[in-house]
Amino acid sequence: MERIKYNSDVMKFMSLFESLTGAKLKDCIANGSIMFIVQESEMGKAIGKKGSNIKRMENLLNKGVRLVEFNGDVCKFVANLVYPSKADDIREEDGIVSIYVRDAKAKGIIIGRDRHRINMLNSVVKRYFDVEEVKVV
């Protein structure tokens, strides 16, 4: 697991999000758009009625906002990270998390252009779980 460090901008984003939505955050990752990792069972509060909280955050920050619900099970957490893409199966064996996808289009979306999304997925999962790699099969 990596040690998590926050800069002042990320701390401001987290404080603003928690005060605006009332939902508890686990983490915030800012790289172009902003990904908020919400505590388990706090997703409804974070989204708000008809997505009102997300829209308000996007307007305030002038950036895209993505919400992901944390889960203590690495496989369920990875499933939450790749959503809305559907994985046929996600398994963790010997520190390697394998995402099984039959559909080539979904596989391409999960990997991303220049492996950008799978690299981001790897770094986020390594922040919380002791895994070597996340790969798409």
N, C-alpha and C. Protein backbone atom coordinates (compact mmCIF):
# COMPACT_ATOMS: atom_id res chain seq x y z
N MET A 1 0.83 -1.19 0.00
CA MET A 1 0.00 0.00 0.00
C MET A 1 0.88 1.25 0.00
N GLU A 2 0.42 2.25 -0.73
CA GLU A 2 1.14 3.51 -0.78
C GLU A 2 0.71 4.40 0.36
N ARG A 3 1.59 5.28 0.73
CA ARG A 3 1.22 6.28 1.73
C ARG A 3 0.50 7.41 0.99
N ILE A 4 -0.63 7.84 1.51
CA ILE A 4 -1.45 8.85 0.85
C ILE A 4 -1.03 10.23 1.33
N LYS A 5 -0.74 11.12 0.38
CA LYS A 5 -0.37 12.50 0.68
C LYS A 5 -1.33 13.42 -0.04
N TYR A 6 -1.74 14.47 0.64
CA TYR A 6 -2.66 15.44 0.05
C TYR A 6 -1.98 16.80 -0.04
N ASN A 7 -2.24 17.51 -1.15
CA ASN A 7 -1.80 18.89 -1.21
C ASN A 7 -2.95 19.78 -0.78
N SER A 8 -2.72 21.08 -0.70
CA SER A 8 -3.75 21.98 -0.17
C SER A 8 -4.99 22.02 -1.06
N ASP A 9 -4.83 21.92 -2.39
CA ASP A 9 -5.99 21.93 -3.28
C ASP A 9 -6.90 20.73 -3.03
N VAL A 10 -6.32 19.56 -2.90
CA VAL A 10 -7.09 18.35 -2.67
C VAL A 10 -7.82 18.44 -1.33
N MET A 11 -7.17 18.97 -0.32
CA MET A 11 -7.81 19.12 0.98
C MET A 11 -8.99 20.09 0.90
N LYS A 12 -8.86 21.14 0.10
CA LYS A 12 -9.98 22.08 -0.10
C LYS A 12 -11.14 21.39 -0.80
N PHE A 13 -10.83 20.59 -1.84
CA PHE A 13 -11.88 19.86 -2.56
C PHE A 13 -12.63 18.93 -1.61
N MET A 14 -11.87 18.21 -0.77
CA MET A 14 -12.49 17.26 0.16
C MET A 14 -13.38 17.99 1.18
N SER A 15 -12.90 19.09 1.71
CA SER A 15 -13.67 19.84 2.69
C SER A 15 -14.95 20.40 2.06
N LEU A 16 -14.83 20.94 0.87
CA LEU A 16 -15.99 21.48 0.16
C LEU A 16 -17.02 20.39 -0.12
N PHE A 17 -16.55 19.23 -0.58
CA PHE A 17 -17.44 18.13 -0.90
C PHE A 17 -18.19 17.65 0.34
N GLU A 18 -17.47 17.45 1.44
CA GLU A 18 -18.11 16.96 2.65
C GLU A 18 -19.11 17.96 3.22
N SER A 19 -18.78 19.25 3.16
CA SER A 19 -19.71 20.24 3.70
C SER A 19 -20.93 20.41 2.79
N LEU A 20 -20.75 20.25 1.50
CA LEU A 20 -21.85 20.42 0.55
C LEU A 20 -22.81 19.24 0.56
N THR A 21 -22.26 18.02 0.65
CA THR A 21 -23.10 16.82 0.52
C THR A 21 -23.47 16.18 1.85
N GLY A 22 -22.64 16.32 2.86
CA GLY A 22 -22.87 15.64 4.13
C GLY A 22 -22.38 14.20 4.11
N ALA A 23 -21.79 13.77 3.00
CA ALA A 23 -21.27 12.40 2.88
C ALA A 23 -19.81 12.36 3.34
N LYS A 24 -19.42 11.25 3.92
CA LYS A 24 -18.05 11.08 4.39
C LYS A 24 -17.17 10.58 3.25
N LEU A 25 -16.01 11.21 3.10
CA LEU A 25 -15.06 10.84 2.04
C LEU A 25 -13.95 9.97 2.60
N LYS A 26 -13.45 9.10 1.74
CA LYS A 26 -12.27 8.30 2.07
C LYS A 26 -11.05 8.93 1.41
N ASP A 27 -11.24 9.44 0.19
CA ASP A 27 -10.10 9.95 -0.58
C ASP A 27 -10.58 10.87 -1.69
N CYS A 28 -9.65 11.62 -2.23
CA CYS A 28 -9.90 12.49 -3.38
C CYS A 28 -8.66 12.44 -4.26
N ILE A 29 -8.87 12.22 -5.55
CA ILE A 29 -7.76 12.17 -6.49
C ILE A 29 -8.04 13.18 -7.58
N ALA A 30 -7.17 14.16 -7.71
CA ALA A 30 -7.35 15.23 -8.69
C ALA A 30 -6.28 15.13 -9.76
N ASN A 31 -6.71 14.83 -10.98
CA ASN A 31 -5.81 14.84 -12.14
C ASN A 31 -6.65 15.18 -13.37
N GLY A 32 -6.80 16.45 -13.63
CA GLY A 32 -7.71 16.88 -14.69
C GLY A 32 -9.12 16.93 -14.15
N SER A 33 -9.78 15.77 -14.08
CA SER A 33 -11.07 15.69 -13.40
C SER A 33 -10.81 15.28 -11.95
N ILE A 34 -11.86 15.26 -11.16
CA ILE A 34 -11.69 14.95 -9.74
C ILE A 34 -12.48 13.69 -9.41
N MET A 35 -11.81 12.73 -8.78
CA MET A 35 -12.47 11.50 -8.35
C MET A 35 -12.56 11.52 -6.83
N PHE A 36 -13.79 11.43 -6.33
CA PHE A 36 -14.03 11.34 -4.91
C PHE A 36 -14.34 9.90 -4.58
N ILE A 37 -13.61 9.34 -3.61
CA ILE A 37 -13.89 7.98 -3.15
C ILE A 37 -14.66 8.13 -1.84
N VAL A 38 -15.91 7.69 -1.88
CA VAL A 38 -16.87 7.88 -0.81
C VAL A 38 -16.86 6.65 0.10
N GLN A 39 -17.06 6.86 1.40
CA GLN A 39 -17.15 5.74 2.34
C GLN A 39 -18.30 4.82 1.96
N GLU A 40 -18.24 3.58 2.42
CA GLU A 40 -19.31 2.62 2.14
C GLU A 40 -20.64 3.15 2.64
N SER A 41 -21.68 2.91 1.86
CA SER A 41 -23.07 3.29 2.15
C SER A 41 -23.32 4.79 2.24
N GLU A 42 -22.42 5.60 1.71
CA GLU A 42 -22.60 7.05 1.69
C GLU A 42 -22.89 7.57 0.27
N MET A 43 -23.02 6.67 -0.69
CA MET A 43 -23.14 7.07 -2.09
C MET A 43 -24.42 7.86 -2.36
N GLY A 44 -25.53 7.47 -1.77
CA GLY A 44 -26.79 8.17 -1.98
C GLY A 44 -26.72 9.61 -1.54
N LYS A 45 -26.12 9.84 -0.36
CA LYS A 45 -25.93 11.20 0.15
C LYS A 45 -25.04 12.00 -0.80
N ALA A 46 -23.98 11.36 -1.28
CA ALA A 46 -23.00 12.05 -2.13
C ALA A 46 -23.61 12.47 -3.46
N ILE A 47 -24.45 11.62 -4.04
CA ILE A 47 -25.06 11.94 -5.33
C ILE A 47 -26.12 13.02 -5.18
N GLY A 48 -26.97 12.89 -4.17
CA GLY A 48 -28.05 13.84 -3.97
C GLY A 48 -29.23 13.50 -4.86
N LYS A 49 -30.34 14.20 -4.66
CA LYS A 49 -31.54 13.93 -5.45
C LYS A 49 -31.29 14.31 -6.90
N LYS A 50 -31.50 13.32 -7.78
CA LYS A 50 -31.32 13.48 -9.23
C LYS A 50 -29.94 14.02 -9.59
N GLY A 51 -28.93 13.67 -8.80
CA GLY A 51 -27.56 14.07 -9.11
C GLY A 51 -27.26 15.53 -8.80
N SER A 52 -28.06 16.15 -7.95
CA SER A 52 -27.90 17.59 -7.69
C SER A 52 -26.55 17.93 -7.06
N ASN A 53 -26.05 17.08 -6.15
CA ASN A 53 -24.77 17.38 -5.51
C ASN A 53 -23.61 17.30 -6.49
N ILE A 54 -23.66 16.33 -7.38
CA ILE A 54 -22.58 16.21 -8.37
C ILE A 54 -22.59 17.42 -9.29
N LYS A 55 -23.76 17.81 -9.77
CA LYS A 55 -23.87 18.96 -10.67
C LYS A 55 -23.37 20.23 -9.99
N ARG A 56 -23.73 20.40 -8.70
CA ARG A 56 -23.30 21.59 -7.97
C ARG A 56 -21.78 21.61 -7.81
N MET A 57 -21.19 20.44 -7.52
CA MET A 57 -19.73 20.35 -7.39
C MET A 57 -19.04 20.67 -8.71
N GLU A 58 -19.56 20.11 -9.80
CA GLU A 58 -18.96 20.37 -11.11
C GLU A 58 -19.03 21.85 -11.46
N ASN A 59 -20.14 22.50 -11.15
CA ASN A 59 -20.26 23.93 -11.44
C ASN A 59 -19.33 24.77 -10.56
N LEU A 60 -19.20 24.41 -9.30
CA LEU A 60 -18.33 25.16 -8.39
C LEU A 60 -16.85 25.02 -8.77
N LEU A 61 -16.46 23.80 -9.16
CA LEU A 61 -15.04 23.52 -9.43
C LEU A 61 -14.65 23.70 -10.90
N ASN A 62 -15.64 23.78 -11.78
CA ASN A 62 -15.39 23.84 -13.23
C ASN A 62 -14.55 22.66 -13.70
N LYS A 63 -14.82 21.51 -13.13
CA LYS A 63 -14.13 20.27 -13.50
C LYS A 63 -15.13 19.13 -13.45
N GLY A 64 -14.82 18.05 -14.17
CA GLY A 64 -15.65 16.86 -14.10
C GLY A 64 -15.47 16.19 -12.75
N VAL A 65 -16.55 15.65 -12.21
CA VAL A 65 -16.51 14.99 -10.91
C VAL A 65 -16.97 13.55 -11.09
N ARG A 66 -16.22 12.62 -10.52
CA ARG A 66 -16.58 11.20 -10.57
C ARG A 66 -16.63 10.67 -9.14
N LEU A 67 -17.68 9.93 -8.83
CA LEU A 67 -17.83 9.34 -7.51
C LEU A 67 -17.65 7.84 -7.58
N VAL A 68 -16.91 7.28 -6.62
CA VAL A 68 -16.70 5.85 -6.52
C VAL A 68 -16.92 5.46 -5.06
N GLU A 69 -17.68 4.40 -4.84
CA GLU A 69 -17.92 3.95 -3.47
C GLU A 69 -16.82 2.97 -3.06
N PHE A 70 -16.22 3.22 -1.91
CA PHE A 70 -15.18 2.33 -1.40
C PHE A 70 -15.81 1.04 -0.90
N ASN A 71 -15.06 -0.05 -1.00
CA ASN A 71 -15.49 -1.33 -0.45
C ASN A 71 -14.26 -2.03 0.10
N GLY A 72 -14.38 -2.67 1.24
CA GLY A 72 -13.26 -3.37 1.86
C GLY A 72 -12.81 -4.60 1.09
N ASP A 73 -13.64 -5.11 0.20
CA ASP A 73 -13.29 -6.24 -0.65
C ASP A 73 -12.68 -5.68 -1.94
N VAL A 74 -11.45 -6.07 -2.23
CA VAL A 74 -10.74 -5.51 -3.39
C VAL A 74 -11.49 -5.75 -4.70
N CYS A 75 -12.12 -6.90 -4.85
CA CYS A 75 -12.83 -7.20 -6.10
C CYS A 75 -14.04 -6.29 -6.29
N LYS A 76 -14.80 -6.07 -5.22
CA LYS A 76 -15.96 -5.18 -5.31
C LYS A 76 -15.53 -3.73 -5.52
N PHE A 77 -14.41 -3.34 -4.92
CA PHE A 77 -13.89 -1.99 -5.11
C PHE A 77 -13.47 -1.77 -6.56
N VAL A 78 -12.80 -2.75 -7.16
CA VAL A 78 -12.41 -2.66 -8.57
C VAL A 78 -13.64 -2.59 -9.46
N ALA A 79 -14.68 -3.36 -9.12
CA ALA A 79 -15.93 -3.31 -9.89
C ALA A 79 -16.53 -1.91 -9.83
N ASN A 80 -16.47 -1.28 -8.65
CA ASN A 80 -16.97 0.09 -8.51
C ASN A 80 -16.13 1.07 -9.33
N LEU A 81 -14.83 0.84 -9.40
CA LEU A 81 -13.94 1.73 -10.16
C LEU A 81 -14.17 1.64 -11.67
N VAL A 82 -14.44 0.45 -12.19
CA VAL A 82 -14.61 0.30 -13.64
C VAL A 82 -16.03 0.60 -14.09
N TYR A 83 -16.97 0.76 -13.15
CA TYR A 83 -18.35 1.09 -13.51
C TYR A 83 -18.37 2.35 -14.34
N PRO A 84 -19.11 2.47 -15.40
CA PRO A 84 -20.25 1.70 -15.86
C PRO A 84 -19.88 0.52 -16.77
N SER A 85 -18.61 0.30 -17.04
CA SER A 85 -18.23 -0.89 -17.82
C SER A 85 -18.53 -2.13 -17.00
N LYS A 86 -18.99 -3.16 -17.67
CA LYS A 86 -19.35 -4.39 -16.98
C LYS A 86 -18.22 -5.41 -17.14
N ALA A 87 -17.72 -5.88 -16.01
CA ALA A 87 -16.73 -6.95 -16.02
C ALA A 87 -17.48 -8.26 -15.79
N ASP A 88 -17.12 -9.31 -16.56
CA ASP A 88 -17.76 -10.62 -16.38
C ASP A 88 -17.38 -11.22 -15.03
N ASP A 89 -16.12 -11.03 -14.62
CA ASP A 89 -15.66 -11.56 -13.35
C ASP A 89 -14.43 -10.79 -12.91
N ILE A 90 -14.25 -10.64 -11.62
CA ILE A 90 -13.05 -10.00 -11.06
C ILE A 90 -12.55 -10.91 -9.95
N ARG A 91 -11.28 -11.32 -10.06
CA ARG A 91 -10.70 -12.24 -9.07
C ARG A 91 -9.35 -11.70 -8.60
N GLU A 92 -9.03 -12.00 -7.34
CA GLU A 92 -7.74 -11.62 -6.78
C GLU A 92 -7.01 -12.89 -6.35
N GLU A 93 -5.84 -13.13 -6.94
CA GLU A 93 -5.03 -14.29 -6.59
C GLU A 93 -3.58 -13.88 -6.49
N ASP A 94 -2.96 -14.18 -5.39
CA ASP A 94 -1.53 -13.93 -5.17
C ASP A 94 -1.15 -12.48 -5.45
N GLY A 95 -1.97 -11.53 -5.03
CA GLY A 95 -1.64 -10.12 -5.19
C GLY A 95 -1.90 -9.56 -6.57
N ILE A 96 -2.51 -10.32 -7.44
CA ILE A 96 -2.84 -9.83 -8.79
C ILE A 96 -4.35 -9.87 -8.96
N VAL A 97 -4.91 -8.72 -9.26
CA VAL A 97 -6.35 -8.62 -9.48
C VAL A 97 -6.58 -8.72 -10.99
N SER A 98 -7.38 -9.70 -11.40
CA SER A 98 -7.66 -9.92 -12.82
C SER A 98 -9.12 -9.55 -13.10
N ILE A 99 -9.29 -8.70 -14.12
CA ILE A 99 -10.63 -8.31 -14.56
C ILE A 99 -10.90 -9.07 -15.84
N TYR A 100 -11.89 -9.95 -15.82
CA TYR A 100 -12.23 -10.75 -16.99
C TYR A 100 -13.36 -10.08 -17.76
N VAL A 101 -13.08 -9.78 -19.04
CA VAL A 101 -14.06 -9.11 -19.90
C VAL A 101 -14.05 -9.81 -21.25
N ARG A 102 -15.25 -10.22 -21.73
CA ARG A 102 -15.35 -10.85 -23.05
C ARG A 102 -15.53 -9.82 -24.16
N ASP A 103 -16.26 -8.75 -23.88
CA ASP A 103 -16.56 -7.73 -24.87
C ASP A 103 -15.33 -6.87 -25.14
N ALA A 104 -14.90 -6.82 -26.40
CA ALA A 104 -13.70 -6.07 -26.77
C ALA A 104 -13.85 -4.57 -26.52
N LYS A 105 -15.05 -4.04 -26.74
CA LYS A 105 -15.29 -2.61 -26.53
C LYS A 105 -15.15 -2.25 -25.06
N ALA A 106 -15.75 -3.06 -24.18
CA ALA A 106 -15.65 -2.83 -22.74
C ALA A 106 -14.20 -2.96 -22.26
N LYS A 107 -13.49 -3.91 -22.84
CA LYS A 107 -12.08 -4.12 -22.50
C LYS A 107 -11.27 -2.88 -22.86
N GLY A 108 -11.54 -2.33 -24.04
CA GLY A 108 -10.84 -1.12 -24.48
C GLY A 108 -11.15 0.07 -23.60
N ILE A 109 -12.39 0.19 -23.14
CA ILE A 109 -12.78 1.29 -22.27
C ILE A 109 -12.08 1.18 -20.92
N ILE A 110 -12.00 -0.03 -20.39
CA ILE A 110 -11.35 -0.24 -19.09
C ILE A 110 -9.85 0.08 -19.19
N ILE A 111 -9.22 -0.34 -20.27
CA ILE A 111 -7.78 -0.09 -20.43
C ILE A 111 -7.52 1.38 -20.73
N GLY A 112 -8.30 1.97 -21.64
CA GLY A 112 -8.16 3.38 -21.97
C GLY A 112 -7.08 3.64 -22.99
N ARG A 113 -7.14 4.82 -23.57
CA ARG A 113 -6.14 5.21 -24.56
C ARG A 113 -4.78 5.33 -23.88
N ASP A 114 -3.78 4.74 -24.49
CA ASP A 114 -2.41 4.71 -23.96
C ASP A 114 -2.35 4.13 -22.54
N ARG A 115 -3.26 3.19 -22.22
CA ARG A 115 -3.32 2.51 -20.93
C ARG A 115 -3.54 3.49 -19.77
N HIS A 116 -4.09 4.64 -20.06
CA HIS A 116 -4.29 5.67 -19.04
C HIS A 116 -5.22 5.20 -17.91
N ARG A 117 -6.37 4.64 -18.26
CA ARG A 117 -7.36 4.24 -17.24
C ARG A 117 -6.87 3.06 -16.40
N ILE A 118 -6.22 2.08 -17.01
CA ILE A 118 -5.74 0.92 -16.24
C ILE A 118 -4.59 1.34 -15.31
N ASN A 119 -3.76 2.28 -15.73
CA ASN A 119 -2.69 2.78 -14.86
C ASN A 119 -3.27 3.53 -13.66
N MET A 120 -4.33 4.34 -13.91
CA MET A 120 -5.00 5.05 -12.84
C MET A 120 -5.64 4.05 -11.88
N LEU A 121 -6.27 3.03 -12.45
CA LEU A 121 -6.91 1.98 -11.66
C LEU A 121 -5.88 1.29 -10.75
N ASN A 122 -4.73 0.97 -11.32
CA ASN A 122 -3.64 0.36 -10.56
C ASN A 122 -3.23 1.23 -9.37
N SER A 123 -3.01 2.52 -9.63
CA SER A 123 -2.55 3.40 -8.56
C SER A 123 -3.59 3.58 -7.47
N VAL A 124 -4.87 3.66 -7.83
CA VAL A 124 -5.92 3.82 -6.82
C VAL A 124 -6.05 2.57 -5.97
N VAL A 125 -6.04 1.40 -6.59
CA VAL A 125 -6.18 0.14 -5.84
C VAL A 125 -4.98 -0.06 -4.90
N LYS A 126 -3.79 0.30 -5.35
CA LYS A 126 -2.59 0.13 -4.53
C LYS A 126 -2.58 1.06 -3.32
N ARG A 127 -3.38 2.13 -3.35
CA ARG A 127 -3.46 3.04 -2.20
C ARG A 127 -4.11 2.37 -1.00
N TYR A 128 -4.99 1.39 -1.24
CA TYR A 128 -5.77 0.79 -0.15
C TYR A 128 -5.49 -0.68 0.09
N PHE A 129 -5.03 -1.38 -0.93
CA PHE A 129 -4.85 -2.82 -0.82
C PHE A 129 -3.42 -3.20 -1.19
N ASP A 130 -2.94 -4.27 -0.58
CA ASP A 130 -1.60 -4.76 -0.86
C ASP A 130 -1.66 -5.69 -2.07
N VAL A 131 -1.69 -5.08 -3.27
CA VAL A 131 -1.71 -5.84 -4.52
C VAL A 131 -0.55 -5.41 -5.40
N GLU A 132 -0.10 -6.33 -6.24
CA GLU A 132 1.00 -6.02 -7.15
C GLU A 132 0.49 -5.31 -8.41
N GLU A 133 -0.64 -5.82 -8.93
CA GLU A 133 -1.07 -5.33 -10.24
C GLU A 133 -2.56 -5.59 -10.44
N VAL A 134 -3.18 -4.72 -11.24
CA VAL A 134 -4.55 -4.94 -11.71
C VAL A 134 -4.42 -5.10 -13.22
N LYS A 135 -4.96 -6.19 -13.76
CA LYS A 135 -4.84 -6.43 -15.19
C LYS A 135 -6.17 -6.85 -15.77
N VAL A 136 -6.33 -6.58 -17.07
CA VAL A 136 -7.54 -6.95 -17.80
C VAL A 136 -7.24 -8.18 -18.64
N VAL A 137 -8.08 -9.20 -18.50
CA VAL A 137 -7.88 -10.45 -19.24
C VAL A 137 -9.01 -10.64 -20.22
